[in-house]
Amino acid sequence: MVDASVPTLRPSELERLAQLDEHNELSAEQMRSTSQRLGVPEEDLRRWLADRRAASAPTRRINAPEAAIPRAEVPEAAVPRADVPEAAAPRADVPEAAPPRADVPEAATPRIEVPEAATTRIEIPEAATTRIGVPEPPTTRINTPEPPTRQVGYGQVDHRPSRIITLSEAAGGGLPQISDGDVTTFLADAYRSLPPEEFARIDAVYTEGIQTTCRWLAEHTGRQCRHDLNQNGVGSWLGPRGAGLAEYMLSVLQPRLSSPNRFHPGAGAGVVDEWNDILSLYRFLGSLAADSPSRGHTITRLRGAQAAFLLHGLRLDLPPDLAYSVGPGLTTVPIDHDVIARVRARTTDPVDAAAIVTALFTGATAMELNAIPCVALTTDALIFNGPIGYTHAPDLYVWVIPPPARTLLYDARVNQESRPTPNSKLFTGAIGGAGFRLRRLAAACEVTLPDLYHWHHSWIRHAGLLRMSEQPAPVRNTDLLFGLKLAPRPRRRRAR
C-alpha cells in the first residue's frame, strides 16, 4: 500500500513516470513497480511514454532552398543560333501586258510562271538539356483518424492511433482486453481487433452504459430518450430529489466561498448553479464505478455513457488517458457481499468495519478518511469539502457507496453519534496516525488495501475540470455512429 497522506499532494503514477522520463531518470525497476501498482503491462506503459514523447517533441521543418535542387543552367551563348538573313526573293519585273480592247478569251492571255525563291532552311538542333535525376522524397504514410472524428471534439490535438491494451485481470469475470481510444472509435476498435466472443462481452457492457445513462438523463431532464444526434439537449442534470440534496449539503457542509451558497457560474453552466451541476455529475459518474467488478468494466461503461450523452446532444468529457488513470473503479477494490461478510466476521467495532470498506472502494488517503464528517454520509454517497477545503466546485469530494457497503456506514454513523460525547468525524479512532491502525485492520480482515491517491488525482475530478468545453457539432462518422448504435458494423481487418 502506498499512502500519500502528507500535506503536499504527490503526483499520480503516470505523472511521476512522465517526469522521470523527461529527465532520463526512469529505471527498469521503477517501470516494473509502476506496472504492478497500476495493473497495466510494462509494454503498454512504455508505448504510452513513447507516444507522449512523440507528441511533445518539437517539429523540425527543413526549408530546402531552390539552390539545393541541381539544375543545369545553360548560358544563352551555348545555344547555337544561326542568324540567317531572310533570302531576297528574286523578282522578275515583267511589264504588264496591255489588255487588248478586243474580246479575247482568257486563255489567250500569256502568263509567265515565276518560281518562288528557294528558302534556305537550316535545321538548328535544340540546345541539349542536361537532366539530373533527383529522386522524389519517400512518402511517409501516417494512419490518422477520419477528419470528422476530430471535429466531434474528443480527439486530441496530437492524436495518436488507438490500440487494444491488455489489463491484468482475470479473464473469467473481467474484460482483460479493451481499446484505449476515446468514444469516437472505442467500440469499432474492439469490433475490428477482438474475436467475436470477446467483442460480444464488451458490447454488452457498453450497451449497459448507454441504457443506464439514457435512463438517468431522461429522469433528470424530463425529456424522452429518442437517440437523435441532432436534438439540442440542455445541461440541467437535476431531478427534484437532486436539487433538495444539493441545498441540504450546502447547509450542513458550509463550503468556504466568497459568496454564501453560490459559485460563480462558468462558461457552460447557464442557469444551473455550478454546485448542483458538479454534485449531480459526480454522483452519476461515481454510480457507474461503485459496483463495477473490474477496471475494464468501468472504462467500457464510461465510454457507453459518453455515447449516450452525445445521443442527447450533450457532451461528457473524460481524461484522455482514462485507461491509465486512478480513482474509484480503476485502482480500487470491488466490493461484494463476500468482502462485507469477511470484514464483519473479523471486526467487532462497526466504525472499524466501515473504515476498512471505505478505504477499499475509495482508495482515499489516511488524511482524507480522517476528515470525513458524519454529516457527509447521505443515502448513497459520501459528500464533503475535503481535508483542506476548496475554492471552486470541481474540488468537491463525492464518493458513491457500493450498495453492499451502505449498511456498514450507516451503523458507523449511528455508533459515533450515540456516544456520550458524540464524534463529528465518521471514522474517529479507526484510521490511526498515517493509517497505521487501518493497515493492521486490513491484515486482520485478510484484505489488501489498494494504492491510495488523493481525490485531486482521480479521474472523476478531472472530468469535472473538463466539463466546461463547448458543445460539439454532430458529425457523420462511421465509427462514431456505430458506437452510438446508429450505423451497421464496420469492416473487420483482414487476417494477415
Protein backbone atom coordinates (compact mmCIF):
# COMPACT_ATOMS: atom_id res chain seq x y z
CA MET A 1 0.00 0.00 0.00
CA VAL A 2 1.24 3.44 -0.87
CA ASP A 3 -0.04 6.20 1.38
CA ALA A 4 0.16 9.80 0.24
CA SER A 5 -1.46 11.40 3.28
CA VAL A 6 1.05 14.20 3.66
CA PRO A 7 0.23 17.89 3.37
CA THR A 8 1.89 18.11 -0.04
CA LEU A 9 -0.12 16.39 -2.75
CA ARG A 10 2.09 13.96 -4.64
CA PRO A 11 1.59 13.41 -8.36
CA SER A 12 -0.13 10.31 -9.73
CA GLU A 13 1.86 7.34 -11.01
CA LEU A 14 1.67 8.40 -14.66
CA GLU A 15 2.73 11.96 -13.88
CA ARG A 16 5.68 10.65 -11.89
CA LEU A 17 6.70 8.35 -14.74
CA ALA A 18 6.46 11.21 -17.23
CA GLN A 19 8.63 13.46 -15.04
CA LEU A 20 11.29 10.77 -14.61
CA ASP A 21 11.23 10.06 -18.33
CA GLU A 22 11.70 13.75 -19.19
CA HIS A 23 14.84 13.89 -17.04
CA ASN A 24 16.17 10.49 -18.25
CA GLU A 25 15.93 9.11 -14.71
CA LEU A 26 13.44 6.31 -15.38
CA SER A 27 14.83 2.90 -14.44
CA ALA A 28 13.56 -0.58 -15.28
CA GLU A 29 12.76 -1.24 -11.62
CA GLN A 30 10.61 1.88 -11.38
CA MET A 31 8.79 0.89 -14.57
CA ARG A 32 8.18 -2.59 -13.22
CA SER A 33 6.85 -1.41 -9.87
CA THR A 34 4.55 1.13 -11.50
CA SER A 35 3.21 -1.55 -13.83
CA GLN A 36 2.39 -3.77 -10.86
CA ARG A 37 0.68 -0.98 -8.93
CA LEU A 38 -1.48 0.15 -11.86
CA GLY A 39 -2.15 -3.34 -13.15
CA VAL A 40 -1.03 -2.37 -16.67
CA PRO A 41 1.65 -4.29 -18.62
CA GLU A 42 5.06 -2.63 -18.90
CA GLU A 43 4.93 -2.57 -22.69
CA ASP A 44 1.70 -0.53 -22.59
CA LEU A 45 3.32 1.97 -20.24
CA ARG A 46 6.39 2.20 -22.46
CA ARG A 47 4.20 2.80 -25.51
CA TRP A 48 2.32 5.50 -23.61
CA LEU A 49 5.59 7.22 -22.73
CA ALA A 50 6.80 6.92 -26.31
CA ASP A 51 3.56 8.48 -27.60
CA ARG A 52 3.90 11.26 -25.05
CA ARG A 53 7.48 11.98 -26.12
CA ALA A 54 6.48 11.98 -29.77
CA ALA A 55 3.58 14.36 -29.07
CA SER A 56 5.77 16.79 -27.12
CA ALA A 57 8.79 16.68 -29.47
CA PRO A 58 9.23 19.90 -31.49
CA THR A 59 8.51 19.55 -35.17
CA ARG A 60 11.55 20.23 -37.32
CA ARG A 61 10.90 21.91 -40.61
CA ILE A 62 13.54 21.77 -43.30
CA ASN A 63 13.11 24.59 -45.77
CA ALA A 64 15.01 23.36 -48.77
CA PRO A 65 16.22 26.34 -50.82
CA GLU A 66 15.83 26.22 -54.53
CA ALA A 67 19.60 26.04 -54.95
CA ALA A 68 19.53 22.63 -53.27
CA ILE A 69 17.99 21.14 -56.41
CA PRO A 70 20.72 20.80 -59.03
CA ARG A 71 19.82 22.50 -62.23
CA ALA A 72 21.77 22.65 -65.45
CA GLU A 73 22.00 26.31 -66.25
CA VAL A 74 22.84 26.61 -69.95
CA PRO A 75 24.01 30.10 -70.93
CA GLU A 76 22.43 31.59 -73.92
CA ALA A 77 25.76 31.67 -75.78
CA ALA A 78 25.96 27.92 -75.57
CA VAL A 79 22.89 27.52 -77.74
CA PRO A 80 23.96 27.71 -81.37
CA ARG A 81 21.83 30.09 -83.25
CA ALA A 82 22.08 30.55 -86.99
CA ASP A 83 21.19 34.12 -87.79
CA VAL A 84 20.33 33.70 -91.43
CA PRO A 85 19.14 36.81 -93.14
CA GLU A 86 15.97 36.45 -95.00
CA ALA A 87 16.67 35.40 -98.54
CA ALA A 88 15.90 38.10 -101.02
CA ALA A 89 13.24 36.75 -103.24
CA PRO A 90 14.21 37.38 -106.88
CA ARG A 91 11.54 39.33 -108.54
CA ALA A 92 11.17 39.43 -112.33
CA ASP A 93 9.90 42.83 -113.30
CA VAL A 94 7.79 41.96 -116.27
CA PRO A 95 5.79 44.75 -117.72
CA GLU A 96 2.13 44.14 -117.60
CA ALA A 97 0.66 43.25 -120.89
CA ALA A 98 -1.63 45.85 -122.29
CA PRO A 99 -5.07 44.42 -122.12
CA PRO A 100 -6.48 44.11 -125.60
CA ARG A 101 -9.58 46.05 -126.26
CA ALA A 102 -10.94 43.20 -128.31
CA ASP A 103 -12.85 40.38 -126.76
CA VAL A 104 -10.13 37.76 -126.47
CA PRO A 105 -10.66 34.63 -124.47
CA GLU A 106 -8.80 34.43 -121.20
CA ALA A 107 -6.71 31.50 -122.34
CA ALA A 108 -5.06 33.80 -124.83
CA THR A 109 -3.63 35.88 -122.03
CA PRO A 110 0.02 34.96 -121.69
CA ARG A 111 1.16 34.13 -118.13
CA ILE A 112 4.71 33.95 -117.03
CA GLU A 113 5.25 31.43 -114.23
CA VAL A 114 7.84 32.86 -111.92
CA PRO A 115 9.11 30.26 -109.44
CA GLU A 116 9.19 31.24 -105.78
CA ALA A 117 12.54 32.00 -104.31
CA ALA A 118 14.04 28.98 -102.69
CA THR A 119 14.02 29.45 -98.90
CA THR A 120 17.11 28.11 -97.28
CA ARG A 121 16.13 26.21 -94.09
CA ILE A 122 18.83 25.39 -91.67
CA GLU A 123 17.89 22.74 -89.08
CA ILE A 124 19.12 24.03 -85.77
CA PRO A 125 19.23 21.34 -83.11
CA GLU A 126 17.64 22.22 -79.78
CA ALA A 127 20.01 23.03 -77.00
CA ALA A 128 20.91 19.90 -75.12
CA THR A 129 19.10 19.94 -71.76
CA THR A 130 21.02 18.26 -69.02
CA ARG A 131 18.58 16.27 -66.91
CA ILE A 132 19.63 15.27 -63.47
CA GLY A 133 17.56 12.52 -61.92
CA VAL A 134 16.57 13.74 -58.46
CA PRO A 135 14.67 11.00 -56.63
CA GLU A 136 11.42 12.11 -55.01
CA PRO A 137 11.48 12.02 -51.22
CA PRO A 138 9.81 8.92 -49.79
CA THR A 139 6.20 9.48 -48.74
CA THR A 140 5.54 8.71 -45.10
CA ARG A 141 2.04 7.33 -44.63
CA ILE A 142 0.54 8.08 -41.24
CA ASN A 143 -2.65 6.29 -40.29
CA THR A 144 -4.70 9.17 -38.93
CA PRO A 145 -8.37 9.05 -37.93
CA GLU A 146 -11.02 10.33 -40.26
CA PRO A 147 -11.32 14.12 -40.19
CA PRO A 148 -14.88 14.02 -38.78
CA THR A 149 -13.64 12.20 -35.67
CA ARG A 150 -11.51 15.19 -34.71
CA GLN A 151 -14.39 17.61 -35.36
CA VAL A 152 -16.50 15.90 -32.72
CA GLY A 153 -14.18 17.41 -30.15
CA TYR A 154 -12.95 14.34 -28.33
CA GLY A 155 -9.76 13.86 -30.38
CA GLN A 156 -6.65 15.49 -29.02
CA VAL A 157 -4.52 17.95 -30.96
CA ASP A 158 -1.65 15.47 -31.05
CA HIS A 159 -3.83 12.49 -31.83
CA ARG A 160 -2.31 9.05 -31.55
CA PRO A 161 -3.83 5.91 -33.07
CA SER A 162 -5.85 3.89 -30.58
CA ARG A 163 -4.98 0.27 -29.86
CA ILE A 164 -6.15 -2.71 -27.87
CA ILE A 165 -4.49 -2.90 -24.47
CA THR A 166 -4.32 -5.82 -22.07
CA LEU A 167 -5.30 -5.34 -18.44
CA SER A 168 -4.06 -7.63 -15.68
CA GLU A 169 -7.48 -9.00 -14.78
CA ALA A 170 -8.93 -12.49 -14.63
CA ALA A 171 -10.34 -13.50 -17.98
CA GLY A 172 -13.38 -15.06 -16.33
CA GLY A 173 -15.14 -12.08 -14.79
CA GLY A 174 -13.32 -9.03 -16.15
CA LEU A 175 -12.69 -7.54 -19.55
CA PRO A 176 -8.95 -8.11 -19.97
CA GLN A 177 -8.74 -6.55 -23.45
CA ILE A 178 -10.21 -3.17 -24.32
CA SER A 179 -9.40 -0.25 -26.60
CA ASP A 180 -7.62 2.78 -25.18
CA GLY A 181 -9.29 5.01 -27.80
CA ASP A 182 -11.90 7.64 -26.99
CA VAL A 183 -15.65 7.40 -27.57
CA THR A 184 -15.33 8.06 -31.31
CA THR A 185 -13.55 4.76 -32.04
CA PHE A 186 -13.79 2.67 -28.85
CA LEU A 187 -16.40 0.15 -29.96
CA ALA A 188 -15.25 -0.01 -33.59
CA ASP A 189 -11.65 -0.72 -32.50
CA ALA A 190 -12.88 -3.56 -30.31
CA TYR A 191 -15.01 -4.99 -33.13
CA ARG A 192 -12.13 -4.97 -35.62
CA SER A 193 -9.44 -6.28 -33.29
CA LEU A 194 -11.06 -8.86 -30.99
CA PRO A 195 -12.62 -12.28 -31.57
CA PRO A 196 -16.45 -12.27 -31.79
CA GLU A 197 -16.96 -13.73 -28.31
CA GLU A 198 -14.66 -11.11 -26.70
CA PHE A 199 -16.37 -8.31 -28.59
CA ALA A 200 -19.80 -9.58 -27.51
CA ARG A 201 -18.79 -9.20 -23.85
CA ILE A 202 -17.53 -5.66 -24.40
CA ASP A 203 -20.62 -4.74 -26.43
CA ALA A 204 -22.92 -5.96 -23.63
CA VAL A 205 -21.18 -3.78 -21.00
CA TYR A 206 -21.02 -0.82 -23.43
CA THR A 207 -24.75 -1.11 -24.16
CA GLU A 208 -25.46 -1.30 -20.44
CA GLY A 209 -23.61 2.00 -20.03
CA ILE A 210 -25.72 3.61 -22.77
CA GLN A 211 -29.01 2.36 -21.32
CA THR A 212 -28.15 3.35 -17.75
CA THR A 213 -27.13 6.84 -18.85
CA CYS A 214 -30.18 7.32 -21.06
CA ARG A 215 -32.46 6.42 -18.16
CA TRP A 216 -30.60 8.83 -15.89
CA LEU A 217 -30.71 11.67 -18.41
CA ALA A 218 -34.40 11.11 -19.14
CA GLU A 219 -35.15 11.19 -15.40
CA HIS A 220 -33.12 14.33 -14.75
CA THR A 221 -34.02 16.35 -17.83
CA GLY A 222 -37.64 15.25 -18.17
CA ARG A 223 -37.10 14.54 -21.89
CA GLN A 224 -37.84 11.31 -23.63
CA CYS A 225 -34.80 9.48 -25.00
CA ARG A 226 -35.10 9.43 -28.79
CA HIS A 227 -31.49 8.61 -29.69
CA ASP A 228 -31.24 11.54 -32.05
CA LEU A 229 -27.84 13.17 -32.63
CA ASN A 230 -29.45 16.35 -33.92
CA GLN A 231 -31.54 17.21 -30.90
CA ASN A 232 -30.18 20.02 -28.76
CA GLY A 233 -30.10 18.99 -25.12
CA VAL A 234 -29.67 21.23 -22.12
CA GLY A 235 -27.17 20.96 -19.30
CA SER A 236 -29.69 20.58 -16.49
CA TRP A 237 -28.85 17.28 -14.82
CA LEU A 238 -31.00 17.75 -11.73
CA GLY A 239 -34.06 15.85 -10.67
CA PRO A 240 -36.40 17.04 -7.88
CA ARG A 241 -34.56 14.98 -5.26
CA GLY A 242 -31.15 16.09 -6.55
CA ALA A 243 -31.97 19.76 -6.04
CA GLY A 244 -33.13 19.11 -2.50
CA LEU A 245 -29.98 17.15 -1.70
CA ALA A 246 -27.80 19.96 -3.05
CA GLU A 247 -29.49 22.54 -0.83
CA TYR A 248 -29.19 20.27 2.20
CA MET A 249 -25.48 19.55 1.63
CA LEU A 250 -24.79 23.25 1.14
CA SER A 251 -26.34 23.98 4.52
CA VAL A 252 -24.55 21.25 6.51
CA LEU A 253 -21.12 21.43 4.88
CA GLN A 254 -20.84 25.24 4.78
CA PRO A 255 -18.27 25.45 1.96
CA ARG A 256 -15.67 28.19 2.16
CA LEU A 257 -16.86 30.53 -0.57
CA SER A 258 -16.51 34.20 -1.28
CA SER A 259 -20.30 34.49 -1.53
CA PRO A 260 -22.54 32.23 0.59
CA ASN A 261 -24.19 29.22 -1.06
CA ARG A 262 -23.31 30.22 -4.60
CA PHE A 263 -20.50 29.60 -7.04
CA HIS A 264 -19.67 31.91 -9.89
CA PRO A 265 -21.25 30.22 -12.92
CA GLY A 266 -18.82 29.02 -15.54
CA ALA A 267 -18.98 29.44 -19.29
CA GLY A 268 -21.16 26.38 -19.87
CA ALA A 269 -23.23 26.34 -16.69
CA GLY A 270 -26.05 28.55 -17.95
CA VAL A 271 -28.81 29.00 -15.40
CA VAL A 272 -27.82 25.86 -13.49
CA ASP A 273 -25.90 26.56 -10.32
CA GLU A 274 -22.38 25.16 -10.52
CA TRP A 275 -22.69 23.37 -7.22
CA ASN A 276 -25.75 21.45 -8.41
CA ASP A 277 -24.06 20.75 -11.72
CA ILE A 278 -20.93 19.22 -10.18
CA LEU A 279 -22.79 17.35 -7.45
CA SER A 280 -25.08 15.66 -9.98
CA LEU A 281 -22.23 14.85 -12.38
CA TYR A 282 -20.01 13.35 -9.66
CA ARG A 283 -22.85 11.25 -8.24
CA PHE A 284 -23.64 9.89 -11.69
CA LEU A 285 -20.02 9.05 -12.56
CA GLY A 286 -19.48 7.52 -9.14
CA SER A 287 -22.56 5.32 -9.54
CA LEU A 288 -21.12 3.83 -12.75
CA ALA A 289 -17.93 2.88 -10.89
CA ALA A 290 -19.36 1.95 -7.49
CA ASP A 291 -20.49 -1.59 -8.38
CA SER A 292 -18.05 -2.16 -11.25
CA PRO A 293 -16.28 -5.54 -10.94
CA SER A 294 -13.11 -4.50 -12.79
CA ARG A 295 -11.19 -1.66 -14.40
CA GLY A 296 -12.24 -2.85 -17.88
CA HIS A 297 -15.92 -2.72 -16.89
CA THR A 298 -15.55 0.82 -15.58
CA ILE A 299 -13.88 2.12 -18.73
CA THR A 300 -16.38 0.39 -21.02
CA ARG A 301 -19.35 1.71 -19.05
CA LEU A 302 -17.95 5.23 -19.20
CA ARG A 303 -17.49 5.01 -22.98
CA GLY A 304 -21.11 3.92 -23.26
CA ALA A 305 -22.11 6.84 -21.05
CA GLN A 306 -20.26 9.24 -23.36
CA ALA A 307 -22.16 7.80 -26.33
CA ALA A 308 -25.48 8.28 -24.51
CA PHE A 309 -24.62 11.91 -23.73
CA LEU A 310 -23.97 12.53 -27.43
CA LEU A 311 -27.29 10.92 -28.30
CA HIS A 312 -28.94 13.52 -26.06
CA GLY A 313 -26.99 16.40 -27.60
CA LEU A 314 -24.71 16.71 -24.55
CA ARG A 315 -21.02 16.14 -24.02
CA LEU A 316 -19.28 14.17 -21.29
CA ASP A 317 -15.54 14.83 -21.20
CA LEU A 318 -13.23 12.28 -19.59
CA PRO A 319 -9.43 12.31 -19.16
CA PRO A 320 -7.61 11.45 -22.40
CA ASP A 321 -5.56 8.77 -20.60
CA LEU A 322 -8.58 7.16 -18.92
CA ALA A 323 -7.23 3.61 -19.22
CA TYR A 324 -4.17 4.65 -17.15
CA SER A 325 -5.96 6.93 -14.66
CA VAL A 326 -6.52 6.37 -10.95
CA GLY A 327 -9.54 6.58 -8.71
CA PRO A 328 -12.82 4.75 -7.98
CA GLY A 329 -13.48 1.78 -10.24
CA LEU A 330 -9.97 1.85 -11.71
CA THR A 331 -7.46 1.37 -8.89
CA THR A 332 -9.87 0.46 -6.09
CA VAL A 333 -11.09 -2.92 -4.81
CA PRO A 334 -14.55 -4.14 -5.93
CA ILE A 335 -16.98 -4.58 -3.02
CA ASP A 336 -19.33 -7.56 -2.93
CA HIS A 337 -21.22 -9.41 -0.24
CA ASP A 338 -18.34 -11.83 0.38
CA VAL A 339 -15.99 -8.96 1.26
CA ILE A 340 -18.61 -7.43 3.58
CA ALA A 341 -19.19 -10.77 5.32
CA ARG A 342 -15.46 -11.30 5.88
CA VAL A 343 -14.98 -7.79 7.32
CA ARG A 344 -17.98 -8.19 9.65
CA ALA A 345 -16.66 -11.53 10.91
CA ARG A 346 -13.14 -10.18 11.62
CA THR A 347 -14.08 -6.90 13.36
CA THR A 348 -16.05 -6.07 16.47
CA ASP A 349 -16.44 -2.29 16.09
CA PRO A 350 -18.77 -1.06 13.30
CA VAL A 351 -16.55 2.01 12.84
CA ASP A 352 -13.54 -0.23 12.10
CA ALA A 353 -15.54 -2.27 9.61
CA ALA A 354 -16.84 0.85 7.85
CA ALA A 355 -13.35 2.40 7.71
CA ILE A 356 -11.83 -0.71 6.08
CA VAL A 357 -14.56 -0.99 3.45
CA THR A 358 -14.44 2.75 2.68
CA ALA A 359 -10.70 2.58 2.10
CA LEU A 360 -11.28 -0.30 -0.34
CA PHE A 361 -13.88 1.41 -2.56
CA THR A 362 -12.42 4.95 -2.43
CA GLY A 363 -8.64 4.43 -2.39
CA ALA A 364 -8.54 7.55 -0.19
CA THR A 365 -5.53 8.56 1.88
CA ALA A 366 -5.48 8.41 5.68
CA MET A 367 -5.70 12.20 5.86
CA GLU A 368 -8.85 12.23 3.74
CA LEU A 369 -10.51 9.38 5.64
CA ASN A 370 -9.84 11.12 8.96
CA ALA A 371 -11.50 14.28 7.63
CA ILE A 372 -14.87 12.75 6.61
CA PRO A 373 -17.61 14.26 8.84
CA CYS A 374 -20.66 12.29 9.93
CA VAL A 375 -22.94 14.73 8.09
CA ALA A 376 -21.17 13.81 4.83
CA LEU A 377 -22.98 10.44 4.79
CA THR A 378 -26.12 10.53 2.62
CA THR A 379 -28.30 7.68 1.41
CA ASP A 380 -25.89 6.65 -1.33
CA ALA A 381 -22.71 8.75 -1.12
CA LEU A 382 -20.09 10.49 0.99
CA ILE A 383 -20.10 14.23 0.16
CA PHE A 384 -17.77 16.65 1.93
CA ASN A 385 -15.34 19.53 1.48
CA GLY A 386 -12.13 17.58 1.86
CA PRO A 387 -9.39 17.99 4.47
CA ILE A 388 -8.10 21.31 3.11
CA GLY A 389 -11.34 22.89 1.89
CA TYR A 390 -11.88 24.10 -1.64
CA THR A 391 -12.50 27.26 -3.60
CA HIS A 392 -14.38 26.06 -6.68
CA ALA A 393 -16.91 23.34 -7.46
CA PRO A 394 -14.72 20.58 -9.02
CA ASP A 395 -12.84 20.22 -5.70
CA LEU A 396 -15.96 18.81 -4.02
CA TYR A 397 -15.47 15.24 -2.74
CA VAL A 398 -18.19 12.77 -3.82
CA TRP A 399 -17.73 9.03 -3.25
CA VAL A 400 -20.72 6.89 -4.20
CA ILE A 401 -21.06 3.95 -1.78
CA PRO A 402 -21.48 0.46 -3.28
CA PRO A 403 -24.88 -0.96 -2.26
CA PRO A 404 -23.47 -3.87 -0.15
CA ALA A 405 -21.42 -1.40 1.97
CA ARG A 406 -24.10 1.16 2.79
CA THR A 407 -25.43 -0.60 5.89
CA LEU A 408 -21.92 -0.69 7.37
CA LEU A 409 -21.52 3.08 7.01
CA TYR A 410 -24.98 3.78 8.43
CA ASP A 411 -24.10 1.68 11.50
CA ALA A 412 -20.80 3.56 11.92
CA ARG A 413 -22.56 6.93 11.88
CA VAL A 414 -25.12 5.77 14.48
CA ASN A 415 -22.29 4.46 16.65
CA GLN A 416 -20.36 7.77 16.51
CA GLU A 417 -23.38 9.96 17.21
CA SER A 418 -24.73 7.78 20.05
CA ARG A 419 -21.60 8.01 22.20
CA PRO A 420 -21.73 10.00 25.45
CA THR A 421 -19.54 12.55 23.68
CA PRO A 422 -20.61 12.36 20.01
CA ASN A 423 -17.85 12.40 17.42
CA SER A 424 -18.25 14.72 14.46
CA LYS A 425 -15.91 12.62 12.28
CA LEU A 426 -17.20 9.36 10.83
CA PHE A 427 -14.07 7.25 11.34
CA THR A 428 -12.63 8.69 14.54
CA GLY A 429 -10.36 6.10 16.19
CA ALA A 430 -10.28 3.70 13.22
CA ILE A 431 -7.56 5.15 10.99
CA GLY A 432 -4.63 5.94 13.26
CA GLY A 433 -1.60 8.07 12.59
CA ALA A 434 -0.60 7.88 8.89
CA GLY A 435 -3.07 4.97 8.52
CA PHE A 436 -1.13 2.60 10.78
CA ARG A 437 -4.22 1.18 12.55
CA LEU A 438 -6.09 0.89 9.27
CA ARG A 439 -3.35 -1.32 7.83
CA ARG A 440 -3.47 -3.57 10.90
CA LEU A 441 -7.24 -3.92 10.49
CA ALA A 442 -6.83 -4.80 6.81
CA ALA A 443 -4.33 -7.53 7.69
CA ALA A 444 -6.71 -8.93 10.30
CA CYS A 445 -9.55 -9.00 7.74
CA GLU A 446 -7.27 -10.55 5.09
CA VAL A 447 -7.98 -7.82 2.55
CA THR A 448 -5.40 -5.92 0.53
CA LEU A 449 -5.67 -2.16 0.59
CA PRO A 450 -5.31 -0.53 -2.84
CA ASP A 451 -2.75 2.12 -3.66
CA LEU A 452 -4.00 5.35 -2.09
CA TYR A 453 -4.41 8.53 -4.12
CA HIS A 454 -5.71 11.97 -3.25
CA TRP A 455 -9.09 12.87 -4.68
CA HIS A 456 -7.40 15.64 -6.67
CA HIS A 457 -5.71 12.99 -8.84
CA SER A 458 -8.85 10.92 -9.51
CA TRP A 459 -10.41 10.64 -12.94
CA ILE A 460 -13.77 11.89 -11.60
CA ARG A 461 -12.34 15.23 -10.54
CA HIS A 462 -10.56 15.58 -13.89
CA ALA A 463 -13.90 15.02 -15.61
CA GLY A 464 -15.32 17.87 -13.53
CA LEU A 465 -12.48 20.15 -14.61
CA LEU A 466 -13.09 19.31 -18.29
CA ARG A 467 -16.85 19.67 -18.35
CA MET A 468 -16.91 23.35 -19.45
CA SER A 469 -15.89 22.52 -23.04
CA GLU A 470 -18.10 23.81 -25.82
CA GLN A 471 -20.77 21.56 -27.27
CA PRO A 472 -19.59 19.67 -30.38
CA ALA A 473 -21.45 19.76 -33.67
CA PRO A 474 -22.96 16.39 -34.64
CA VAL A 475 -20.72 14.75 -37.23
CA ARG A 476 -21.49 11.82 -39.51
CA ASN A 477 -18.59 9.50 -38.78
CA THR A 478 -18.81 5.76 -39.40
CA ASP A 479 -17.01 4.55 -36.28
CA LEU A 480 -18.78 7.03 -34.02
CA LEU A 481 -22.22 6.21 -35.43
CA PHE A 482 -21.51 2.52 -34.90
CA GLY A 483 -20.67 3.26 -31.28
CA LEU A 484 -23.95 5.20 -30.99
CA LYS A 485 -25.86 2.16 -32.34
CA LEU A 486 -26.93 4.17 -35.40
CA ALA A 487 -24.84 2.55 -38.15
CA PRO A 488 -24.03 -1.02 -39.29
CA ARG A 489 -20.88 -2.74 -38.20
CA PRO A 490 -17.63 -1.51 -39.81
CA ARG A 491 -15.33 -3.77 -41.75
CA ARG A 492 -13.16 -6.18 -39.88
CA ARG A 493 -9.45 -6.12 -40.55
CA ARG A 494 -8.23 -8.87 -42.80
CA ALA A 495 -6.14 -11.52 -41.15
CA ARG A 496 -2.51 -11.35 -42.22
